[in-house]
Amino acid sequence: MEKLIAVLQLLLALILAVAVISTLVNLVLIATRPETISVVNAIIGQGVLIVCLAALAKVIGSKGWQTLKGSPKDALKHTSEAE
């Protein structure tokens, strides 16, 4: 079951990475418009969204990868639960 959750986490991290790339492309397209306050607001909002999505993808991806590999931290956690 843990491997299934790890694979799902990696899949979610991949989906988030695609969302980051598509938001970045959208940000570039918005930046080519004439500058108004709504364009500036969109640029700031999408910039924050890109940073947050990238951080979330990194955290979820690394957690899924560690679980899939079976890191030593997980092994220690399982041995302490057995005692």
PDB file of N, CA and C in Angstrom:
ATOM      1  N   MET A   1       0.813  -1.192   0.000  1.00  0.00           N
ATOM      2  CA  MET A   1       0.000   0.000   0.000  1.00  0.00           C
ATOM      3  C   MET A   1       0.859   1.259   0.000  1.00  0.00           C
ATOM      4  N   GLU A   2       2.001   1.181   0.701  1.00  0.00           N
ATOM      5  CA  GLU A   2       2.891   2.340   0.756  1.00  0.00           C
ATOM      6  C   GLU A   2       3.460   2.662  -0.623  1.00  0.00           C
ATOM      7  N   LYS A   3       3.750   1.626  -1.395  1.00  0.00           N
ATOM      8  CA  LYS A   3       4.291   1.868  -2.738  1.00  0.00           C
ATOM      9  C   LYS A   3       3.249   2.516  -3.646  1.00  0.00           C
ATOM     10  N   LEU A   4       1.993   2.139  -3.489  1.00  0.00           N
ATOM     11  CA  LEU A   4       0.928   2.755  -4.263  1.00  0.00           C
ATOM     12  C   LEU A   4       0.808   4.242  -3.918  1.00  0.00           C
ATOM     13  N   ILE A   5       0.867   4.563  -2.636  1.00  0.00           N
ATOM     14  CA  ILE A   5       0.802   5.961  -2.212  1.00  0.00           C
ATOM     15  C   ILE A   5       2.012   6.720  -2.728  1.00  0.00           C
ATOM     16  N   ALA A   6       3.190   6.084  -2.719  1.00  0.00           N
ATOM     17  CA  ALA A   6       4.402   6.741  -3.220  1.00  0.00           C
ATOM     18  C   ALA A   6       4.292   7.025  -4.718  1.00  0.00           C
ATOM     19  N   VAL A   7       3.752   6.086  -5.466  1.00  0.00           N
ATOM     20  CA  VAL A   7       3.582   6.293  -6.903  1.00  0.00           C
ATOM     21  C   VAL A   7       2.561   7.397  -7.164  1.00  0.00           C
ATOM     22  N   LEU A   8       1.490   7.424  -6.386  1.00  0.00           N
ATOM     23  CA  LEU A   8       0.496   8.485  -6.531  1.00  0.00           C
ATOM     24  C   LEU A   8       1.087   9.856  -6.181  1.00  0.00           C
ATOM     25  N   GLN A   9       1.965   9.890  -5.178  1.00  0.00           N
ATOM     26  CA  GLN A   9       2.629  11.145  -4.830  1.00  0.00           C
ATOM     27  C   GLN A   9       3.535  11.612  -5.966  1.00  0.00           C
ATOM     28  N   LEU A  10       4.250  10.689  -6.571  1.00  0.00           N
ATOM     29  CA  LEU A  10       5.101  11.058  -7.700  1.00  0.00           C
ATOM     30  C   LEU A  10       4.274  11.527  -8.890  1.00  0.00           C
ATOM     31  N   LEU A  11       3.141  10.887  -9.112  1.00  0.00           N
ATOM     32  CA  LEU A  11       2.248  11.310 -10.190  1.00  0.00           C
ATOM     33  C   LEU A  11       1.691  12.709  -9.921  1.00  0.00           C
ATOM     34  N   LEU A  12       1.308  12.970  -8.685  1.00  0.00           N
ATOM     35  CA  LEU A  12       0.823  14.301  -8.322  1.00  0.00           C
ATOM     36  C   LEU A  12       1.920  15.348  -8.476  1.00  0.00           C
ATOM     37  N   ALA A  13       3.141  15.003  -8.113  1.00  0.00           N
ATOM     38  CA  ALA A  13       4.254  15.933  -8.285  1.00  0.00           C
ATOM     39  C   ALA A  13       4.483  16.238  -9.763  1.00  0.00           C
ATOM     40  N   LEU A  14       4.317  15.249 -10.617  1.00  0.00           N
ATOM     41  CA  LEU A  14       4.456  15.461 -12.059  1.00  0.00           C
ATOM     42  C   LEU A  14       3.344  16.367 -12.588  1.00  0.00           C
ATOM     43  N   ILE A  15       2.128  16.150 -12.118  1.00  0.00           N
ATOM     44  CA  ILE A  15       1.009  17.001 -12.528  1.00  0.00           C
ATOM     45  C   ILE A  15       1.233  18.436 -12.068  1.00  0.00           C
ATOM     46  N   LEU A  16       1.735  18.606 -10.852  1.00  0.00           N
ATOM     47  CA  LEU A  16       2.032  19.950 -10.356  1.00  0.00           C
ATOM     48  C   LEU A  16       3.143  20.612 -11.170  1.00  0.00           C
ATOM     49  N   ALA A  17       4.131  19.842 -11.587  1.00  0.00           N
ATOM     50  CA  ALA A  17       5.209  20.399 -12.410  1.00  0.00           C
ATOM     51  C   ALA A  17       4.672  20.869 -13.762  1.00  0.00           C
ATOM     52  N   VAL A  18       3.757  20.111 -14.336  1.00  0.00           N
ATOM     53  CA  VAL A  18       3.131  20.535 -15.593  1.00  0.00           C
ATOM     54  C   VAL A  18       2.320  21.806 -15.379  1.00  0.00           C
ATOM     55  N   ALA A  19       1.637  21.900 -14.236  1.00  0.00           N
ATOM     56  CA  ALA A  19       0.881  23.111 -13.926  1.00  0.00           C
ATOM     57  C   ALA A  19       1.803  24.314 -13.764  1.00  0.00           C
ATOM     58  N   VAL A  20       2.975  24.103 -13.185  1.00  0.00           N
ATOM     59  CA  VAL A  20       3.947  25.189 -13.043  1.00  0.00           C
ATOM     60  C   VAL A  20       4.410  25.666 -14.414  1.00  0.00           C
ATOM     61  N   ILE A  21       4.712  24.740 -15.289  1.00  0.00           N
ATOM     62  CA  ILE A  21       5.195  25.110 -16.622  1.00  0.00           C
ATOM     63  C   ILE A  21       4.111  25.839 -17.410  1.00  0.00           C
ATOM     64  N   SER A  22       2.885  25.349 -17.335  1.00  0.00           N
ATOM     65  CA  SER A  22       1.812  26.013 -18.083  1.00  0.00           C
ATOM     66  C   SER A  22       1.496  27.392 -17.501  1.00  0.00           C
ATOM     67  N   THR A  23       1.583  27.543 -16.188  1.00  0.00           N
ATOM     68  CA  THR A  23       1.375  28.852 -15.575  1.00  0.00           C
ATOM     69  C   THR A  23       2.489  29.810 -15.960  1.00  0.00           C
ATOM     70  N   LEU A  24       3.699  29.297 -16.069  1.00  0.00           N
ATOM     71  CA  LEU A  24       4.826  30.131 -16.496  1.00  0.00           C
ATOM     72  C   LEU A  24       4.649  30.608 -17.933  1.00  0.00           C
ATOM     73  N   VAL A  25       4.172  29.737 -18.801  1.00  0.00           N
ATOM     74  CA  VAL A  25       3.897  30.132 -20.187  1.00  0.00           C
ATOM     75  C   VAL A  25       2.801  31.195 -20.215  1.00  0.00           C
ATOM     76  N   ASN A  26       1.763  31.008 -19.414  1.00  0.00           N
ATOM     77  CA  ASN A  26       0.688  31.990 -19.330  1.00  0.00           C
ATOM     78  C   ASN A  26       1.205  33.328 -18.805  1.00  0.00           C
ATOM     79  N   LEU A  27       2.116  33.285 -17.862  1.00  0.00           N
ATOM     80  CA  LEU A  27       2.701  34.507 -17.318  1.00  0.00           C
ATOM     81  C   LEU A  27       3.469  35.273 -18.389  1.00  0.00           C
ATOM     82  N   VAL A  28       4.200  34.566 -19.226  1.00  0.00           N
ATOM     83  CA  VAL A  28       4.936  35.213 -20.314  1.00  0.00           C
ATOM     84  C   VAL A  28       3.965  35.840 -21.307  1.00  0.00           C
ATOM     85  N   LEU A  29       2.875  35.139 -21.612  1.00  0.00           N
ATOM     86  CA  LEU A  29       1.887  35.689 -22.543  1.00  0.00           C
ATOM     87  C   LEU A  29       1.184  36.919 -21.963  1.00  0.00           C
ATOM     88  N   ILE A  30       0.922  36.905 -20.670  1.00  0.00           N
ATOM     89  CA  ILE A  30       0.285  38.063 -20.039  1.00  0.00           C
ATOM     90  C   ILE A  30       1.245  39.250 -20.009  1.00  0.00           C
ATOM     91  N   ALA A  31       2.531  38.973 -19.853  1.00  0.00           N
ATOM     92  CA  ALA A  31       3.517  40.049 -19.769  1.00  0.00           C
ATOM     93  C   ALA A  31       3.641  40.817 -21.086  1.00  0.00           C
ATOM     94  N   THR A  32       3.196  40.252 -22.188  1.00  0.00           N
ATOM     95  CA  THR A  32       3.303  40.946 -23.472  1.00  0.00           C
ATOM     96  C   THR A  32       2.153  41.928 -23.703  1.00  0.00           C
ATOM     97  N   ARG A  33       1.145  41.926 -22.832  1.00  0.00           N
ATOM     98  CA  ARG A  33       0.007  42.837 -22.978  1.00  0.00           C
ATOM     99  C   ARG A  33       0.396  44.244 -22.522  1.00  0.00           C
ATOM    100  N   PRO A  34      -0.390  45.247 -22.927  1.00  0.00           N
ATOM    101  CA  PRO A  34      -0.138  46.609 -22.434  1.00  0.00           C
ATOM    102  C   PRO A  34      -0.286  46.651 -20.907  1.00  0.00           C
ATOM    103  N   GLU A  35       0.574  47.394 -20.271  1.00  0.00           N
ATOM    104  CA  GLU A  35       0.626  47.363 -18.816  1.00  0.00           C
ATOM    105  C   GLU A  35      -0.528  48.151 -18.197  1.00  0.00           C
ATOM    106  N   THR A  36      -1.370  47.455 -17.485  1.00  0.00           N
ATOM    107  CA  THR A  36      -2.436  48.052 -16.686  1.00  0.00           C
ATOM    108  C   THR A  36      -2.342  47.447 -15.298  1.00  0.00           C
ATOM    109  N   ILE A  37      -3.146  47.945 -14.391  1.00  0.00           N
ATOM    110  CA  ILE A  37      -3.091  47.435 -13.024  1.00  0.00           C
ATOM    111  C   ILE A  37      -3.534  45.979 -12.948  1.00  0.00           C
ATOM    112  N   SER A  38      -4.477  45.581 -13.795  1.00  0.00           N
ATOM    113  CA  SER A  38      -4.921  44.188 -13.765  1.00  0.00           C
ATOM    114  C   SER A  38      -3.837  43.245 -14.290  1.00  0.00           C
ATOM    115  N   VAL A  39      -3.054  43.710 -15.256  1.00  0.00           N
ATOM    116  CA  VAL A  39      -1.946  42.897 -15.759  1.00  0.00           C
ATOM    117  C   VAL A  39      -0.884  42.744 -14.682  1.00  0.00           C
ATOM    118  N   VAL A  40      -0.594  43.819 -13.968  1.00  0.00           N
ATOM    119  CA  VAL A  40       0.396  43.751 -12.886  1.00  0.00           C
ATOM    120  C   VAL A  40      -0.098  42.817 -11.781  1.00  0.00           C
ATOM    121  N   ASN A  41      -1.382  42.915 -11.445  1.00  0.00           N
ATOM    122  CA  ASN A  41      -1.942  42.008 -10.426  1.00  0.00           C
ATOM    123  C   ASN A  41      -1.850  40.550 -10.871  1.00  0.00           C
ATOM    124  N   ALA A  42      -2.121  40.296 -12.135  1.00  0.00           N
ATOM    125  CA  ALA A  42      -2.040  38.921 -12.645  1.00  0.00           C
ATOM    126  C   ALA A  42      -0.606  38.405 -12.611  1.00  0.00           C
ATOM    127  N   ILE A  43       0.345  39.266 -12.944  1.00  0.00           N
ATOM    128  CA  ILE A  43       1.748  38.856 -12.925  1.00  0.00           C
ATOM    129  C   ILE A  43       2.190  38.519 -11.500  1.00  0.00           C
ATOM    130  N   ILE A  44       1.811  39.361 -10.552  1.00  0.00           N
ATOM    131  CA  ILE A  44       2.182  39.105  -9.153  1.00  0.00           C
ATOM    132  C   ILE A  44       1.508  37.832  -8.645  1.00  0.00           C
ATOM    133  N   GLY A  45       0.224  37.686  -8.916  1.00  0.00           N
ATOM    134  CA  GLY A  45      -0.498  36.504  -8.452  1.00  0.00           C
ATOM    135  C   GLY A  45       0.029  35.216  -9.053  1.00  0.00           C
ATOM    136  N   GLN A  46       0.310  35.231 -10.335  1.00  0.00           N
ATOM    137  CA  GLN A  46       0.828  34.016 -10.966  1.00  0.00           C
ATOM    138  C   GLN A  46       2.263  33.734 -10.532  1.00  0.00           C
ATOM    139  N   GLY A  47       3.013  34.776 -10.237  1.00  0.00           N
ATOM    140  CA  GLY A  47       4.372  34.557  -9.717  1.00  0.00           C
ATOM    141  C   GLY A  47       4.342  33.831  -8.385  1.00  0.00           C
ATOM    142  N   VAL A  48       3.444  34.263  -7.517  1.00  0.00           N
ATOM    143  CA  VAL A  48       3.292  33.601  -6.213  1.00  0.00           C
ATOM    144  C   VAL A  48       2.800  32.172  -6.404  1.00  0.00           C
ATOM    145  N   LEU A  49       1.855  31.985  -7.319  1.00  0.00           N
ATOM    146  CA  LEU A  49       1.314  30.654  -7.589  1.00  0.00           C
ATOM    147  C   LEU A  49       2.395  29.709  -8.112  1.00  0.00           C
ATOM    148  N   ILE A  50       3.260  30.203  -8.973  1.00  0.00           N
ATOM    149  CA  ILE A  50       4.337  29.378  -9.516  1.00  0.00           C
ATOM    150  C   ILE A  50       5.273  28.924  -8.408  1.00  0.00           C
ATOM    151  N   VAL A  51       5.645  29.843  -7.525  1.00  0.00           N
ATOM    152  CA  VAL A  51       6.551  29.489  -6.428  1.00  0.00           C
ATOM    153  C   VAL A  51       5.917  28.456  -5.501  1.00  0.00           C
ATOM    154  N   CYS A  52       4.656  28.668  -5.154  1.00  0.00           N
ATOM    155  CA  CYS A  52       3.974  27.735  -4.246  1.00  0.00           C
ATOM    156  C   CYS A  52       3.788  26.352  -4.870  1.00  0.00           C
ATOM    157  N   LEU A  53       3.394  26.303  -6.130  1.00  0.00           N
ATOM    158  CA  LEU A  53       3.212  25.012  -6.799  1.00  0.00           C
ATOM    159  C   LEU A  53       4.539  24.275  -6.952  1.00  0.00           C
ATOM    160  N   ALA A  54       5.603  25.010  -7.257  1.00  0.00           N
ATOM    161  CA  ALA A  54       6.916  24.371  -7.406  1.00  0.00           C
ATOM    162  C   ALA A  54       7.402  23.808  -6.073  1.00  0.00           C
ATOM    163  N   ALA A  55       7.193  24.549  -4.989  1.00  0.00           N
ATOM    164  CA  ALA A  55       7.592  24.055  -3.671  1.00  0.00           C
ATOM    165  C   ALA A  55       6.783  22.824  -3.273  1.00  0.00           C
ATOM    166  N   LEU A  56       5.481  22.866  -3.531  1.00  0.00           N
ATOM    167  CA  LEU A  56       4.628  21.718  -3.207  1.00  0.00           C
ATOM    168  C   LEU A  56       5.016  20.491  -4.028  1.00  0.00           C
ATOM    169  N   ALA A  57       5.318  20.692  -5.300  1.00  0.00           N
ATOM    170  CA  ALA A  57       5.741  19.574  -6.144  1.00  0.00           C
ATOM    171  C   ALA A  57       7.048  18.977  -5.646  1.00  0.00           C
ATOM    172  N   LYS A  58       7.969  19.825  -5.200  1.00  0.00           N
ATOM    173  CA  LYS A  58       9.250  19.328  -4.699  1.00  0.00           C
ATOM    174  C   LYS A  58       9.069  18.523  -3.415  1.00  0.00           C
ATOM    175  N   VAL A  59       8.252  19.021  -2.506  1.00  0.00           N
ATOM    176  CA  VAL A  59       8.032  18.321  -1.237  1.00  0.00           C
ATOM    177  C   VAL A  59       7.333  16.979  -1.471  1.00  0.00           C
ATOM    178  N   ILE A  60       6.264  16.997  -2.253  1.00  0.00           N
ATOM    179  CA  ILE A  60       5.523  15.756  -2.506  1.00  0.00           C
ATOM    180  C   ILE A  60       6.368  14.772  -3.307  1.00  0.00           C
ATOM    181  N   GLY A  61       7.098  15.275  -4.286  1.00  0.00           N
ATOM    182  CA  GLY A  61       7.943  14.394  -5.093  1.00  0.00           C
ATOM    183  C   GLY A  61       9.061  13.760  -4.290  1.00  0.00           C
ATOM    184  N   SER A  62       9.710  14.536  -3.443  1.00  0.00           N
ATOM    185  CA  SER A  62      10.803  13.965  -2.656  1.00  0.00           C
ATOM    186  C   SER A  62      10.279  12.973  -1.621  1.00  0.00           C
ATOM    187  N   LYS A  63       9.119  13.269  -1.041  1.00  0.00           N
ATOM    188  CA  LYS A  63       8.543  12.321  -0.087  1.00  0.00           C
ATOM    189  C   LYS A  63       8.148  11.021  -0.772  1.00  0.00           C
ATOM    190  N   GLY A  64       7.535  11.129  -1.940  1.00  0.00           N
ATOM    191  CA  GLY A  64       7.171   9.929  -2.689  1.00  0.00           C
ATOM    192  C   GLY A  64       8.387   9.130  -3.120  1.00  0.00           C
ATOM    193  N   TRP A  65       9.424   9.829  -3.539  1.00  0.00           N
ATOM    194  CA  TRP A  65      10.642   9.149  -3.989  1.00  0.00           C
ATOM    195  C   TRP A  65      11.326   8.439  -2.834  1.00  0.00           C
ATOM    196  N   GLN A  66      11.383   9.089  -1.658  1.00  0.00           N
ATOM    197  CA  GLN A  66      12.000   8.458  -0.489  1.00  0.00           C
ATOM    198  C   GLN A  66      11.204   7.235  -0.051  1.00  0.00           C
ATOM    199  N   THR A  67       9.897   7.329  -0.096  1.00  0.00           N
ATOM    200  CA  THR A  67       9.072   6.184   0.287  1.00  0.00           C
ATOM    201  C   THR A  67       9.246   5.038  -0.705  1.00  0.00           C
ATOM    202  N   LEU A  68       9.336   5.363  -1.984  1.00  0.00           N
ATOM    203  CA  LEU A  68       9.497   4.331  -3.003  1.00  0.00           C
ATOM    204  C   LEU A  68      10.859   3.657  -2.899  1.00  0.00           C
ATOM    205  N   LYS A  69      11.888   4.435  -2.601  1.00  0.00           N
ATOM    206  CA  LYS A  69      13.220   3.865  -2.442  1.00  0.00           C
ATOM    207  C   LYS A  69      13.365   3.104  -1.140  1.00  0.00           C
ATOM    208  N   GLY A  70      12.585   3.474  -0.127  1.00  0.00           N
ATOM    209  CA  GLY A  70      12.713   2.830   1.181  1.00  0.00           C
ATOM    210  C   GLY A  70      13.891   3.388   1.930  1.00  0.00           C
ATOM    211  N   SER A  71      13.840   4.667   2.236  1.00  0.00           N
ATOM    212  CA  SER A  71      14.966   5.342   2.873  1.00  0.00           C
ATOM    213  C   SER A  71      15.228   4.775   4.267  1.00  0.00           C
ATOM    214  N   PRO A  72      16.441   4.950   4.781  1.00  0.00           N
ATOM    215  CA  PRO A  72      16.768   4.436   6.116  1.00  0.00           C
ATOM    216  C   PRO A  72      15.913   5.045   7.217  1.00  0.00           C
ATOM    217  N   LYS A  73      15.454   6.299   7.029  1.00  0.00           N
ATOM    218  CA  LYS A  73      14.602   6.921   8.034  1.00  0.00           C
ATOM    219  C   LYS A  73      13.304   6.132   8.176  1.00  0.00           C
ATOM    220  N   ASP A  74      12.750   5.676   7.047  1.00  0.00           N
ATOM    221  CA  ASP A  74      11.534   4.878   7.092  1.00  0.00           C
ATOM    222  C   ASP A  74      11.791   3.526   7.756  1.00  0.00           C
ATOM    223  N   ALA A  75      12.950   2.958   7.500  1.00  0.00           N
ATOM    224  CA  ALA A  75      13.278   1.672   8.096  1.00  0.00           C
ATOM    225  C   ALA A  75      13.389   1.807   9.614  1.00  0.00           C
ATOM    226  N   LEU A  76      13.990   2.897  10.087  1.00  0.00           N
ATOM    227  CA  LEU A  76      14.096   3.104  11.528  1.00  0.00           C
ATOM    228  C   LEU A  76      12.717   3.320  12.138  1.00  0.00           C
ATOM    229  N   LYS A  77      11.853   3.996  11.437  1.00  0.00           N
ATOM    230  CA  LYS A  77      10.507   4.244  11.950  1.00  0.00           C
ATOM    231  C   LYS A  77       9.750   2.929  12.099  1.00  0.00           C
ATOM    232  N   HIS A  78       9.907   2.032  11.112  1.00  0.00           N
ATOM    233  CA  HIS A  78       9.196   0.765  11.156  1.00  0.00           C
ATOM    234  C   HIS A  78       9.761  -0.152  12.249  1.00  0.00           C
ATOM    235  N   THR A  79      11.061  -0.110  12.503  1.00  0.00           N
ATOM    236  CA  THR A  79      11.619  -0.958  13.544  1.00  0.00           C
ATOM    237  C   THR A  79      11.223  -0.473  14.921  1.00  0.00           C
ATOM    238  N   SER A  80      11.106   0.855  15.100  1.00  0.00           N
ATOM    239  CA  SER A  80      10.684   1.359  16.394  1.00  0.00           C
ATOM    240  C   SER A  80       9.223   1.046  16.670  1.00  0.00           C
ATOM    241  N   GLU A  81       8.407   0.965  15.618  1.00  0.00           N
ATOM    242  CA  GLU A  81       6.999   0.588  15.798  1.00  0.00           C
ATOM    243  C   GLU A  81       6.866  -0.880  16.157  1.00  0.00           C
ATOM    244  N   ALA A  82       7.779  -1.720  15.681  1.00  0.00           N
ATOM    245  CA  ALA A  82       7.704  -3.147  15.951  1.00  0.00           C
ATOM    246  C   ALA A  82       8.038  -3.453  17.409  1.00  0.00           C
ATOM    247  N   GLU A  83       8.865  -2.611  18.011  1.00  0.00           N
ATOM    248  CA  GLU A  83       9.252  -2.842  19.412  1.00  0.00           C
ATOM    249  C   GLU A  83       8.154  -2.408  20.291  1.00  0.00           C
TER     250      GLU A  83
END
